[in-house]
C-alpha atoms as a PDB file:
ATOM      1  CA  MET A   1       4.975  34.654 -35.824  1.00  0.00           C
ATOM      2  CA  LYS A   2       3.522  31.169 -36.006  1.00  0.00           C
ATOM      3  CA  GLN A   3       0.925  30.008 -32.804  1.00  0.00           C
ATOM      4  CA  ARG A   4       2.592  28.143 -30.137  1.00  0.00           C
ATOM      5  CA  THR A   5       0.965  25.175 -29.461  1.00  0.00           C
ATOM      6  CA  PHE A   6       1.225  22.099 -27.309  1.00  0.00           C
ATOM      7  CA  ALA A   7       3.784  19.815 -28.064  1.00  0.00           C
ATOM      8  CA  GLY A   8       4.142  21.591 -31.392  1.00  0.00           C
ATOM      9  CA  ILE A   9       0.881  19.937 -32.523  1.00  0.00           C
ATOM     10  CA  GLU A  10      -0.691  21.239 -36.095  1.00  0.00           C
ATOM     11  CA  GLU A  11      -2.693  24.069 -35.554  1.00  0.00           C
ATOM     12  CA  SER A  12      -5.905  22.030 -36.262  1.00  0.00           C
ATOM     13  CA  PHE A  13      -5.500  20.217 -33.295  1.00  0.00           C
ATOM     14  CA  HIS A  14      -5.019  23.570 -31.304  1.00  0.00           C
ATOM     15  CA  GLN A  15      -8.199  25.210 -32.226  1.00  0.00           C
ATOM     16  CA  LEU A  16     -10.240  25.900 -29.036  1.00  0.00           C
ATOM     17  CA  SER A  17     -13.788  25.030 -31.393  1.00  0.00           C
ATOM     18  CA  LYS A  18     -12.616  21.689 -31.889  1.00  0.00           C
ATOM     19  CA  ALA A  19     -10.252  20.896 -29.008  1.00  0.00           C
ATOM     20  CA  GLU A  20     -11.839  18.156 -26.398  1.00  0.00           C
ATOM     21  CA  ILE A  21      -8.854  19.223 -23.995  1.00  0.00           C
ATOM     22  CA  VAL A  22      -7.962  22.597 -22.818  1.00  0.00           C
ATOM     23  CA  LEU A  23      -4.305  22.863 -21.237  1.00  0.00           C
ATOM     24  CA  ILE A  24      -4.138  26.179 -19.120  1.00  0.00           C
ATOM     25  CA  PRO A  25      -0.516  27.608 -17.936  1.00  0.00           C
ATOM     26  CA  VAL A  26      -0.314  29.573 -14.891  1.00  0.00           C
ATOM     27  CA  PRO A  27       2.975  31.045 -13.923  1.00  0.00           C
ATOM     28  CA  TYR A  28       2.485  32.106 -10.648  1.00  0.00           C
ATOM     29  CA  ASP A  29       4.928  32.215  -7.700  1.00  0.00           C
ATOM     30  CA  GLY A  30       3.690  34.372  -5.242  1.00  0.00           C
ATOM     31  CA  THR A  31       3.561  32.838  -1.882  1.00  0.00           C
ATOM     32  CA  SER A  32       6.567  29.930  -2.170  1.00  0.00           C
ATOM     33  CA  THR A  33       8.493  29.856   0.948  1.00  0.00           C
ATOM     34  CA  TRP A  34      11.969  28.489  -0.335  1.00  0.00           C
ATOM     35  CA  VAL A  35      13.121  27.760  -3.638  1.00  0.00           C
ATOM     36  CA  LYS A  36      11.701  30.408  -6.005  1.00  0.00           C
ATOM     37  CA  GLY A  37      11.154  29.464  -9.823  1.00  0.00           C
ATOM     38  CA  ALA A  38       7.372  27.837 -10.155  1.00  0.00           C
ATOM     39  CA  ASP A  39       6.515  30.853 -12.422  1.00  0.00           C
ATOM     40  CA  ARG A  40       9.057  29.676 -14.996  1.00  0.00           C
ATOM     41  CA  GLY A  41       7.701  25.956 -14.721  1.00  0.00           C
ATOM     42  CA  PRO A  42       4.640  26.219 -17.509  1.00  0.00           C
ATOM     43  CA  ASP A  43       7.571  27.598 -20.235  1.00  0.00           C
ATOM     44  CA  ALA A  44      10.044  24.717 -19.230  1.00  0.00           C
ATOM     45  CA  PHE A  45       7.131  22.495 -19.467  1.00  0.00           C
ATOM     46  CA  LEU A  46       6.060  23.664 -22.844  1.00  0.00           C
ATOM     47  CA  GLU A  47       9.416  23.846 -24.225  1.00  0.00           C
ATOM     48  CA  ALA A  48      10.128  20.008 -23.154  1.00  0.00           C
ATOM     49  CA  ALA A  49       7.066  18.966 -24.502  1.00  0.00           C
ATOM     50  CA  GLU A  50       7.891  20.432 -28.074  1.00  0.00           C
ATOM     51  CA  ASN A  51      10.844  17.631 -28.123  1.00  0.00           C
ATOM     52  CA  MET A  52       8.560  14.959 -27.103  1.00  0.00           C
ATOM     53  CA  GLU A  53       7.375  12.085 -28.968  1.00  0.00           C
ATOM     54  CA  ILE A  54       3.527  12.205 -29.233  1.00  0.00           C
ATOM     55  CA  TYR A  55       3.141   8.803 -29.746  1.00  0.00           C
ATOM     56  CA  ASP A  56       2.384   6.857 -26.649  1.00  0.00           C
ATOM     57  CA  ILE A  57       3.518   3.181 -26.838  1.00  0.00           C
ATOM     58  CA  GLU A  58       1.598   1.664 -24.142  1.00  0.00           C
ATOM     59  CA  THR A  59      -1.893   3.077 -24.858  1.00  0.00           C
ATOM     60  CA  GLU A  60      -1.046   2.700 -28.800  1.00  0.00           C
ATOM     61  CA  SER A  61      -2.626   5.901 -29.248  1.00  0.00           C
ATOM     62  CA  GLU A  62      -1.845   9.893 -30.507  1.00  0.00           C
ATOM     63  CA  VAL A  63      -3.978  11.608 -27.563  1.00  0.00           C
ATOM     64  CA  TYR A  64      -3.226  14.932 -29.236  1.00  0.00           C
ATOM     65  CA  ARG A  65      -5.909  13.842 -32.099  1.00  0.00           C
ATOM     66  CA  GLN A  66      -8.427  14.917 -29.374  1.00  0.00           C
ATOM     67  CA  GLY A  67      -7.443  18.310 -29.912  1.00  0.00           C
ATOM     68  CA  ILE A  68      -5.595  20.206 -27.198  1.00  0.00           C
ATOM     69  CA  HIS A  69      -5.886  23.688 -26.635  1.00  0.00           C
ATOM     70  CA  LEU A  70      -3.241  25.530 -25.433  1.00  0.00           C
ATOM     71  CA  ALA A  71      -4.858  28.617 -23.640  1.00  0.00           C
ATOM     72  CA  GLU A  72      -3.615  31.998 -22.777  1.00  0.00           C
ATOM     73  CA  ALA A  73      -1.331  31.816 -19.616  1.00  0.00           C
ATOM     74  CA  ILE A  74      -3.063  33.130 -16.663  1.00  0.00           C
ATOM     75  CA  THR A  75      -0.697  36.005 -15.321  1.00  0.00           C
ATOM     76  CA  GLU A  76      -2.589  37.883 -12.517  1.00  0.00           C
ATOM     77  CA  ASN A  77      -0.449  38.189  -9.779  1.00  0.00           C
ATOM     78  CA  SER A  78      -1.249  41.376  -7.667  1.00  0.00           C
ATOM     79  CA  SER A  79      -2.366  38.861  -4.970  1.00  0.00           C
ATOM     80  CA  PRO A  80      -2.862  35.291  -4.302  1.00  0.00           C
ATOM     81  CA  GLU A  81      -6.669  36.423  -4.372  1.00  0.00           C
ATOM     82  CA  ALA A  82      -6.738  37.766  -7.696  1.00  0.00           C
ATOM     83  CA  MET A  83      -4.819  34.958  -8.881  1.00  0.00           C
ATOM     84  CA  THR A  84      -6.960  32.313  -7.299  1.00  0.00           C
ATOM     85  CA  GLU A  85     -10.506  34.441  -8.714  1.00  0.00           C
ATOM     86  CA  ALA A  86      -8.653  34.522 -12.089  1.00  0.00           C
ATOM     87  CA  VAL A  87      -8.239  30.822 -12.340  1.00  0.00           C
ATOM     88  CA  HIS A  88     -11.544  30.069 -11.015  1.00  0.00           C
ATOM     89  CA  LYS A  89     -13.282  32.051 -13.791  1.00  0.00           C
ATOM     90  CA  THR A  90     -11.098  30.871 -16.559  1.00  0.00           C
ATOM     91  CA  VAL A  91     -11.658  26.998 -15.399  1.00  0.00           C
ATOM     92  CA  ALA A  92     -15.314  27.432 -14.989  1.00  0.00           C
ATOM     93  CA  GLY A  93     -15.583  29.018 -18.112  1.00  0.00           C
ATOM     94  CA  HIS A  94     -14.020  25.958 -19.918  1.00  0.00           C
ATOM     95  CA  LEU A  95     -16.280  23.597 -17.740  1.00  0.00           C
ATOM     96  CA  LYS A  96     -19.046  25.233 -18.857  1.00  0.00           C
ATOM     97  CA  ASN A  97     -18.255  25.149 -22.757  1.00  0.00           C
ATOM     98  CA  LYS A  98     -17.680  21.144 -21.907  1.00  0.00           C
ATOM     99  CA  LYS A  99     -13.911  20.965 -22.369  1.00  0.00           C
ATOM    100  CA  PHE A 100     -11.779  18.786 -20.147  1.00  0.00           C
ATOM    101  CA  VAL A 101      -9.482  21.077 -18.436  1.00  0.00           C
ATOM    102  CA  THR A 102      -5.849  20.703 -17.087  1.00  0.00           C
ATOM    103  CA  LEU A 103      -3.695  23.176 -15.798  1.00  0.00           C
ATOM    104  CA  PHE A 104       0.047  23.402 -15.451  1.00  0.00           C
ATOM    105  CA  GLY A 105       1.491  25.665 -12.410  1.00  0.00           C
ATOM    106  CA  GLY A 106       3.156  27.516 -11.008  1.00  0.00           C
ATOM    107  CA  GLU A 107       3.194  26.901  -7.253  1.00  0.00           C
ATOM    108  CA  HIS A 108       0.279  24.867  -5.699  1.00  0.00           C
ATOM    109  CA  SER A 109      -1.856  27.732  -4.968  1.00  0.00           C
ATOM    110  CA  ILE A 110      -2.711  27.934  -8.351  1.00  0.00           C
ATOM    111  CA  SER A 111      -4.972  24.456  -7.359  1.00  0.00           C
ATOM    112  CA  ILE A 112      -7.171  26.459  -5.197  1.00  0.00           C
ATOM    113  CA  GLY A 113      -9.332  28.220  -7.872  1.00  0.00           C
ATOM    114  CA  ALA A 114      -9.425  25.177 -10.029  1.00  0.00           C
ATOM    115  CA  ILE A 115     -10.674  23.102  -7.568  1.00  0.00           C
ATOM    116  CA  ARG A 116     -13.540  25.659  -6.659  1.00  0.00           C
ATOM    117  CA  ALA A 117     -14.794  25.515  -9.896  1.00  0.00           C
ATOM    118  CA  PHE A 118     -14.662  21.851 -10.629  1.00  0.00           C
ATOM    119  CA  MET A 119     -16.542  21.685  -6.661  1.00  0.00           C
ATOM    120  CA  GLU A 120     -19.225  23.850  -8.556  1.00  0.00           C
ATOM    121  CA  GLU A 121     -19.582  21.625 -11.543  1.00  0.00           C
ATOM    122  CA  TYR A 122     -19.218  18.100  -9.527  1.00  0.00           C
ATOM    123  CA  SER A 123     -21.119  17.841  -6.480  1.00  0.00           C
ATOM    124  CA  ASP A 124     -19.528  14.587  -5.546  1.00  0.00           C
ATOM    125  CA  LEU A 125     -16.177  15.718  -6.452  1.00  0.00           C
ATOM    126  CA  THR A 126     -12.989  13.562  -5.184  1.00  0.00           C
ATOM    127  CA  VAL A 127     -10.005  15.595  -5.217  1.00  0.00           C
ATOM    128  CA  LEU A 128      -7.234  13.351  -5.295  1.00  0.00           C
ATOM    129  CA  GLN A 129      -3.756  14.907  -4.195  1.00  0.00           C
ATOM    130  CA  ILE A 130      -0.124  13.317  -5.041  1.00  0.00           C
ATOM    131  CA  ASP A 131       2.130  15.292  -2.923  1.00  0.00           C
ATOM    132  CA  ALA A 132       5.037  15.415  -0.404  1.00  0.00           C
ATOM    133  CA  HIS A 133       3.009  17.963   1.723  1.00  0.00           C
ATOM    134  CA  ALA A 134      -0.132  18.130   3.460  1.00  0.00           C
ATOM    135  CA  ASP A 135      -0.988  21.604   2.338  1.00  0.00           C
ATOM    136  CA  LEU A 136      -3.791  21.848   4.618  1.00  0.00           C
ATOM    137  CA  ARG A 137      -2.947  25.165   6.764  1.00  0.00           C
ATOM    138  CA  PRO A 138      -6.443  27.250   6.773  1.00  0.00           C
ATOM    139  CA  GLU A 139      -4.466  30.382   6.148  1.00  0.00           C
ATOM    140  CA  TYR A 140      -0.685  30.764   5.638  1.00  0.00           C
ATOM    141  CA  HIS A 141       1.288  34.492   6.142  1.00  0.00           C
ATOM    142  CA  GLY A 142      -1.954  36.118   5.977  1.00  0.00           C
ATOM    143  CA  SER A 143      -3.513  34.577   3.297  1.00  0.00           C
ATOM    144  CA  LYS A 144      -5.935  31.649   2.648  1.00  0.00           C
ATOM    145  CA  CYS A 145      -4.598  31.303  -0.641  1.00  0.00           C
ATOM    146  CA  ASN A 146      -1.193  30.376   0.070  1.00  0.00           C
ATOM    147  CA  HIS A 147       0.732  27.553  -1.713  1.00  0.00           C
ATOM    148  CA  ALA A 148       0.401  25.803   2.317  1.00  0.00           C
ATOM    149  CA  CYS A 149      -3.324  25.955   1.761  1.00  0.00           C
ATOM    150  CA  ALA A 150      -3.893  24.495  -1.271  1.00  0.00           C
ATOM    151  CA  VAL A 151      -5.881  21.801  -0.308  1.00  0.00           C
ATOM    152  CA  PHE A 152      -7.735  22.836   2.953  1.00  0.00           C
ATOM    153  CA  GLU A 153     -10.892  24.263   1.388  1.00  0.00           C
ATOM    154  CA  ALA A 154     -11.075  20.862  -0.632  1.00  0.00           C
ATOM    155  CA  SER A 155     -10.731  18.985   2.783  1.00  0.00           C
ATOM    156  CA  GLN A 156     -13.882  20.724   3.856  1.00  0.00           C
ATOM    157  CA  LYS A 157     -16.169  20.854   0.853  1.00  0.00           C
ATOM    158  CA  ALA A 158     -15.001  17.750  -1.277  1.00  0.00           C
ATOM    159  CA  ASN A 159     -13.640  14.072  -0.856  1.00  0.00           C
ATOM    160  CA  LEU A 160      -9.962  14.622  -0.328  1.00  0.00           C
ATOM    161  CA  ILE A 161      -7.447  11.346  -0.571  1.00  0.00           C
ATOM    162  CA  GLN A 162      -4.012  12.264  -0.042  1.00  0.00           C
ATOM    163  CA  VAL A 163      -1.018  10.184  -1.472  1.00  0.00           C
ATOM    164  CA  GLY A 164       2.742  10.405  -0.708  1.00  0.00           C
ATOM    165  CA  ILE A 165       2.688  12.581   2.101  1.00  0.00           C
ATOM    166  CA  ARG A 166       5.974  13.100   4.428  1.00  0.00           C
ATOM    167  CA  SER A 167       5.879  16.510   5.565  1.00  0.00           C
ATOM    168  CA  MET A 168       3.436  18.481   7.258  1.00  0.00           C
ATOM    169  CA  ASP A 169       2.712  20.732  10.644  1.00  0.00           C
ATOM    170  CA  GLN A 170       1.451  19.245  13.858  1.00  0.00           C
ATOM    171  CA  GLU A 171      -1.767  21.799  13.018  1.00  0.00           C
ATOM    172  CA  GLU A 172      -2.688  20.089   9.724  1.00  0.00           C
ATOM    173  CA  ARG A 173      -3.450  16.912  11.523  1.00  0.00           C
ATOM    174  CA  GLN A 174      -6.639  18.069  12.706  1.00  0.00           C
ATOM    175  CA  TYR A 175      -7.878  18.793   9.226  1.00  0.00           C
ATOM    176  CA  MET A 176      -6.969  15.485   7.885  1.00  0.00           C
ATOM    177  CA  ASN A 177      -9.004  12.498   7.232  1.00  0.00           C
ATOM    178  CA  GLU A 178      -6.257   9.635   8.052  1.00  0.00           C
ATOM    179  CA  SER A 179      -8.478   6.825   6.706  1.00  0.00           C
ATOM    180  CA  GLN A 180      -7.819   8.680   3.231  1.00  0.00           C
ATOM    181  CA  VAL A 181      -3.996   9.385   3.870  1.00  0.00           C
ATOM    182  CA  TYR A 182      -1.463   7.198   2.302  1.00  0.00           C
ATOM    183  CA  PHE A 183       1.985   8.458   3.689  1.00  0.00           C
ATOM    184  CA  ALA A 184       5.111   7.624   1.739  1.00  0.00           C
ATOM    185  CA  HIS A 185       6.565   5.509   4.615  1.00  0.00           C
ATOM    186  CA  HIS A 186       3.301   3.428   4.750  1.00  0.00           C
ATOM    187  CA  ILE A 187       3.318   3.090   0.980  1.00  0.00           C
ATOM    188  CA  ARG A 188       7.222   2.121   1.316  1.00  0.00           C
ATOM    189  CA  GLU A 189       6.252  -0.484   4.223  1.00  0.00           C
ATOM    190  CA  SER A 190       3.546  -2.049   2.034  1.00  0.00           C
ATOM    191  CA  ARG A 191       4.396  -5.394   0.649  1.00  0.00           C
ATOM    192  CA  SER A 192       1.998  -5.026  -2.347  1.00  0.00           C
ATOM    193  CA  ALA A 193       0.038  -2.541  -4.251  1.00  0.00           C
ATOM    194  CA  THR A 194      -3.020  -3.458  -2.241  1.00  0.00           C
ATOM    195  CA  TRP A 195      -3.189  -0.067  -0.953  1.00  0.00           C
ATOM    196  CA  ILE A 196      -4.067   1.556  -4.431  1.00  0.00           C
ATOM    197  CA  SER A 197      -7.245  -0.189  -5.108  1.00  0.00           C
ATOM    198  CA  GLU A 198      -8.052   0.697  -1.324  1.00  0.00           C
ATOM    199  CA  MET A 199      -7.501   4.097  -2.123  1.00  0.00           C
ATOM    200  CA  VAL A 200      -9.467   3.583  -5.534  1.00  0.00           C
ATOM    201  CA  ASP A 201     -12.326   2.326  -3.242  1.00  0.00           C
ATOM    202  CA  HIS A 202     -12.427   5.791  -1.364  1.00  0.00           C
ATOM    203  CA  CYS A 203     -13.080   7.696  -4.814  1.00  0.00           C
ATOM    204  CA  THR A 204     -16.402   9.070  -5.633  1.00  0.00           C
ATOM    205  CA  GLU A 205     -17.317   8.601  -9.274  1.00  0.00           C
ATOM    206  CA  ASN A 206     -15.708  11.927 -10.272  1.00  0.00           C
ATOM    207  CA  VAL A 207     -12.031  12.520  -9.654  1.00  0.00           C
ATOM    208  CA  PHE A 208     -10.071  15.601 -10.154  1.00  0.00           C
ATOM    209  CA  ILE A 209      -6.299  14.958  -9.808  1.00  0.00           C
ATOM    210  CA  THR A 210      -3.888  17.498  -8.260  1.00  0.00           C
ATOM    211  CA  ILE A 211       0.193  16.323  -8.705  1.00  0.00           C
ATOM    212  CA  ASP A 212       3.048  18.459  -7.003  1.00  0.00           C
ATOM    213  CA  LEU A 213       5.858  17.247  -8.641  1.00  0.00           C
ATOM    214  CA  ASP A 214       7.578  17.309  -5.064  1.00  0.00           C
ATOM    215  CA  ALA A 215       5.587  14.017  -4.549  1.00  0.00           C
ATOM    216  CA  PHE A 216       8.475  12.386  -6.837  1.00  0.00           C
ATOM    217  CA  ASP A 217      11.380  11.184  -4.970  1.00  0.00           C
ATOM    218  CA  PRO A 218      14.223  13.840  -5.358  1.00  0.00           C
ATOM    219  CA  GLY A 219      16.417  11.724  -7.290  1.00  0.00           C
ATOM    220  CA  VAL A 220      13.868  11.899 -10.136  1.00  0.00           C
ATOM    221  CA  MET A 221      12.472  15.029  -9.785  1.00  0.00           C
ATOM    222  CA  PRO A 222      14.794  17.228  -8.200  1.00  0.00           C
ATOM    223  CA  SER A 223      13.485  20.691  -9.810  1.00  0.00           C
ATOM    224  CA  THR A 224      10.864  21.452  -7.017  1.00  0.00           C
ATOM    225  CA  GLY A 225      10.520  23.990  -4.576  1.00  0.00           C
ATOM    226  CA  THR A 226      10.995  21.676  -1.686  1.00  0.00           C
ATOM    227  CA  PRO A 227      12.532  18.315  -2.659  1.00  0.00           C
ATOM    228  CA  GLU A 228      11.541  15.993   0.138  1.00  0.00           C
ATOM    229  CA  PRO A 229      13.536  12.764   0.392  1.00  0.00           C
ATOM    230  CA  GLY A 230      11.439   9.307   0.325  1.00  0.00           C
ATOM    231  CA  GLY A 231       9.341  10.045  -2.473  1.00  0.00           C
ATOM    232  CA  LEU A 232       7.716   8.108  -5.056  1.00  0.00           C
ATOM    233  CA  THR A 233       8.708   6.861  -8.411  1.00  0.00           C
ATOM    234  CA  TRP A 234       7.520   7.253 -11.952  1.00  0.00           C
ATOM    235  CA  TYR A 235       5.673   4.094 -12.368  1.00  0.00           C
ATOM    236  CA  GLN A 236       4.000   4.480  -8.847  1.00  0.00           C
ATOM    237  CA  VAL A 237       2.720   7.305  -9.881  1.00  0.00           C
ATOM    238  CA  LEU A 238       1.392   6.083 -13.260  1.00  0.00           C
ATOM    239  CA  ASP A 239      -0.122   3.111 -11.399  1.00  0.00           C
ATOM    240  CA  ILE A 240      -2.058   5.577  -9.320  1.00  0.00           C
ATOM    241  CA  VAL A 241      -3.350   7.470 -12.330  1.00  0.00           C
ATOM    242  CA  LYS A 242      -4.176   4.300 -14.132  1.00  0.00           C
ATOM    243  CA  ALA A 243      -6.088   2.555 -11.427  1.00  0.00           C
ATOM    244  CA  VAL A 244      -8.270   5.562 -10.803  1.00  0.00           C
ATOM    245  CA  ASN A 245      -8.735   5.733 -14.402  1.00  0.00           C
ATOM    246  CA  ARG A 246     -10.188   2.310 -14.414  1.00  0.00           C
ATOM    247  CA  SER A 247     -12.826   2.518 -12.571  1.00  0.00           C
ATOM    248  CA  LYS A 248     -13.814   6.277 -11.994  1.00  0.00           C
ATOM    249  CA  ASN A 249     -14.100   9.327 -14.212  1.00  0.00           C
ATOM    250  CA  ILE A 250     -11.426  11.495 -13.814  1.00  0.00           C
ATOM    251  CA  VAL A 251     -12.703  14.978 -15.079  1.00  0.00           C
ATOM    252  CA  GLY A 252      -9.664  17.037 -14.940  1.00  0.00           C
ATOM    253  CA  PHE A 253      -6.068  17.410 -13.414  1.00  0.00           C
ATOM    254  CA  ASP A 254      -3.222  19.640 -12.830  1.00  0.00           C
ATOM    255  CA  ILE A 255       0.645  19.294 -12.503  1.00  0.00           C
ATOM    256  CA  VAL A 256       2.373  21.983 -10.185  1.00  0.00           C
ATOM    257  CA  GLU A 257       5.582  23.395  -8.876  1.00  0.00           C
ATOM    258  CA  LEU A 258       8.156  22.614 -11.318  1.00  0.00           C
ATOM    259  CA  CYS A 259      11.247  24.655 -10.541  1.00  0.00           C
ATOM    260  CA  PRO A 260      13.184  24.448 -13.982  1.00  0.00           C
ATOM    261  CA  ASN A 261      16.943  24.178 -13.670  1.00  0.00           C
ATOM    262  CA  GLU A 262      18.553  25.308 -16.642  1.00  0.00           C
ATOM    263  CA  ASN A 263      21.422  22.875 -16.452  1.00  0.00           C
ATOM    264  CA  ASN A 264      19.246  19.535 -15.619  1.00  0.00           C
ATOM    265  CA  LYS A 265      16.368  19.599 -18.521  1.00  0.00           C
ATOM    266  CA  ALA A 266      15.474  15.935 -17.395  1.00  0.00           C
ATOM    267  CA  PRO A 267      12.760  17.215 -14.735  1.00  0.00           C
ATOM    268  CA  ASP A 268      11.117  19.294 -17.635  1.00  0.00           C
ATOM    269  CA  PHE A 269      10.714  16.388 -19.813  1.00  0.00           C
ATOM    270  CA  LEU A 270       9.202  14.129 -16.740  1.00  0.00           C
ATOM    271  CA  ALA A 271       6.428  16.884 -16.177  1.00  0.00           C
ATOM    272  CA  ALA A 272       5.645  16.855 -20.017  1.00  0.00           C
ATOM    273  CA  LYS A 273       5.830  13.070 -20.315  1.00  0.00           C
ATOM    274  CA  LEU A 274       3.531  13.057 -17.139  1.00  0.00           C
ATOM    275  CA  TYR A 275       0.801  15.464 -18.495  1.00  0.00           C
ATOM    276  CA  TYR A 276       0.620  13.391 -21.936  1.00  0.00           C
ATOM    277  CA  LYS A 277       0.556  10.077 -20.197  1.00  0.00           C
ATOM    278  CA  MET A 278      -2.322  11.174 -17.869  1.00  0.00           C
ATOM    279  CA  LEU A 279      -4.310  12.275 -21.275  1.00  0.00           C
ATOM    280  CA  SER A 280      -3.237   8.749 -23.076  1.00  0.00           C
ATOM    281  CA  TYR A 281      -4.794   7.030 -20.406  1.00  0.00           C
ATOM    282  CA  ILE A 282      -7.655   8.738 -19.691  1.00  0.00           C
ATOM    283  CA  PHE A 283      -8.653   9.300 -23.328  1.00  0.00           C
ATOM    284  CA  SER A 284      -7.810   5.241 -24.060  1.00  0.00           C
ATOM    285  CA  LYS A 285     -10.552   3.595 -25.601  1.00  0.00           C
ATOM    286  CA  GLU A 286      -9.373   0.404 -24.259  1.00  0.00           C
ATOM    287  CA  LEU A 287      -9.282   1.843 -20.834  1.00  0.00           C
ATOM    288  CA  SER A 288     -12.732   3.765 -21.112  1.00  0.00           C
ATOM    289  CA  ALA A 289     -14.066   0.575 -22.414  1.00  0.00           C
ATOM    290  CA  GLU A 290     -12.692  -1.613 -19.117  1.00  0.00           C
ATOM    291  CA  ARG A 291     -14.356   1.528 -17.039  1.00  0.00           C
ATOM    292  CA  ALA A 292     -17.442   1.198 -18.728  1.00  0.00           C
ATOM    293  CA  ARG A 293     -17.994  -2.722 -17.976  1.00  0.00           C
END
């Protein structure tokens, strides 16, 4: 049986020993509270990627040539805590081996273990959360590893910046640094993109990006567990990533909360394209040179 690779790339670009990039699927959906299906997200994402062109027009590059190793999926689901520890251990191992680590969920709770590993690796880490929800509950439904707690630990131990937020519980406000929160309605009211440069100024040198796909407006990304109206557009999200990449060091990222719909494949393709575009920006020679200046 032929080895599955990201986007169907040749085996030589998949080999772990040669690949700069590691992609870890985490098909976990143990704590979501409304629409279930995020556990099917990684397979839908990978299937869409296999039907994607792998030349990026904007950066004039084929980033897969850096090597993208599709790791074995993390399937631990006995408890949220066990899943978190499995993700933490796996990510930490790849970071120790100097890989550029990326993850695809699964629900947003998968980010807790990943962020924990990155915080251990980088003492000055910024966590940039692009999301519809604040996810700042210290505990939810009896667990600190619930999807509603995805960035609480980051808010306490790292430099957390939140973009696109438009849904939260009043309790979460006490844990929020509002000078580093860019609510969706404020973004809409802004007449320019100056808020993006302000947001970048709040970042430390090393940045981990976590993208919940419900950050996007449901008109372009309906396949999420809680599709909140009033979200970001495709190009707004790309502009955010590009702006951070121009002056900061993006050290890794995850994308979560794809709940695929068999009758609408477009959101699956958006997720695959977003993943590849982010890698194309991060590994672009031109953008790297701009960052170095």
